[in-house]
Amino acid sequence: MRTIQLHIPDSVELKDYDFSMIIASKLYEEAKLSAGQAAEIVGLSKRAFIEMLGKYGVSVFSTSIADLNSDIANA
């Protein structure tokens, strides 16, 4: 796993956890990471990560039409 270092201005008043969650949730939203991989970045269980997504404006459900049609066909 890679490690990156960010230099955030002191004027940005967010906790380190929030930065990690924002990055992980965005990568999950863009399908770059699975929920389990994103949860690992933040140090949460997969379930806890999924429960927190709404707070960061990310839906658990895919917005892809193809994915939605596949879900409907498999329901």
Protein backbone atom coordinates (compact mmCIF):
# COMPACT_ATOMS: atom_id res chain seq x y z
CA MET A 1 0.00 0.00 0.00
CA ARG A 2 1.28 3.46 -0.88
CA THR A 3 1.60 6.30 1.58
CA ILE A 4 1.16 9.91 0.55
CA GLN A 5 1.80 13.12 2.42
CA LEU A 6 -0.44 16.16 2.03
CA HIS A 7 0.27 19.70 3.17
CA ILE A 8 -3.06 21.15 4.28
CA PRO A 9 -3.34 24.81 5.30
CA ASP A 10 -4.06 25.37 8.99
CA SER A 11 -7.13 27.35 7.95
CA VAL A 12 -8.83 24.11 6.83
CA GLU A 13 -10.40 22.93 10.04
CA LEU A 14 -10.96 19.23 9.40
CA LYS A 15 -9.69 16.30 11.40
CA ASP A 16 -7.30 13.80 9.80
CA TYR A 17 -10.11 11.23 9.93
CA ASP A 18 -12.33 13.48 7.82
CA PHE A 19 -9.62 13.90 5.18
CA SER A 20 -9.17 10.13 5.02
CA MET A 21 -12.91 9.58 4.79
CA ILE A 22 -13.34 12.20 2.06
CA ILE A 23 -10.59 10.65 -0.05
CA ALA A 24 -11.72 7.05 0.54
CA SER A 25 -15.39 7.84 -0.14
CA LYS A 26 -14.54 9.69 -3.36
CA LEU A 27 -12.40 6.80 -4.61
CA TYR A 28 -15.21 4.41 -3.70
CA GLU A 29 -17.77 6.60 -5.50
CA GLU A 30 -15.62 6.59 -8.64
CA ALA A 31 -15.25 2.77 -8.41
CA LYS A 32 -11.48 3.04 -7.95
CA LEU A 33 -11.75 1.17 -4.63
CA SER A 34 -14.12 -1.44 -3.26
CA ALA A 35 -15.98 -0.67 -0.04
CA GLY A 36 -13.58 -2.98 1.81
CA GLN A 37 -10.48 -1.26 0.41
CA ALA A 38 -11.87 2.18 1.17
CA ALA A 39 -12.81 1.08 4.70
CA GLU A 40 -9.25 -0.14 5.24
CA ILE A 41 -7.85 3.30 4.35
CA VAL A 42 -10.02 4.91 7.01
CA GLY A 43 -9.51 2.15 9.57
CA LEU A 44 -13.17 1.14 9.71
CA SER A 45 -15.03 -2.09 9.14
CA LYS A 46 -16.73 -2.35 5.76
CA ARG A 47 -20.12 -2.01 7.43
CA ALA A 48 -19.11 1.12 9.37
CA PHE A 49 -17.64 2.68 6.21
CA ILE A 50 -20.87 2.07 4.28
CA GLU A 51 -22.89 3.56 7.13
CA MET A 52 -20.74 6.72 7.05
CA LEU A 53 -20.94 7.32 3.28
CA GLY A 54 -24.11 9.44 3.46
CA LYS A 55 -22.42 11.90 5.80
CA TYR A 56 -19.87 12.55 3.05
CA GLY A 57 -22.45 12.84 0.26
CA VAL A 58 -21.79 9.46 -1.33
CA SER A 59 -24.51 6.95 -2.17
CA VAL A 60 -24.03 3.26 -1.54
CA PHE A 61 -26.01 2.61 -4.71
CA SER A 62 -24.48 2.87 -8.15
CA THR A 63 -25.72 5.65 -10.41
CA SER A 64 -24.71 3.81 -13.57
CA ILE A 65 -27.72 2.91 -15.73
CA ALA A 66 -26.06 -0.36 -16.74
CA ASP A 67 -25.51 -1.27 -13.08
CA LEU A 68 -29.10 -0.37 -12.19
CA ASN A 69 -30.48 -2.45 -15.06
CA SER A 70 -28.29 -5.36 -13.98
CA ASP A 71 -29.55 -5.01 -10.40
CA ILE A 72 -33.17 -5.01 -11.61
CA ALA A 73 -32.58 -8.06 -13.81
CA ASN A 74 -31.01 -9.93 -10.90
CA ALA A 75 -33.66 -8.93 -8.33
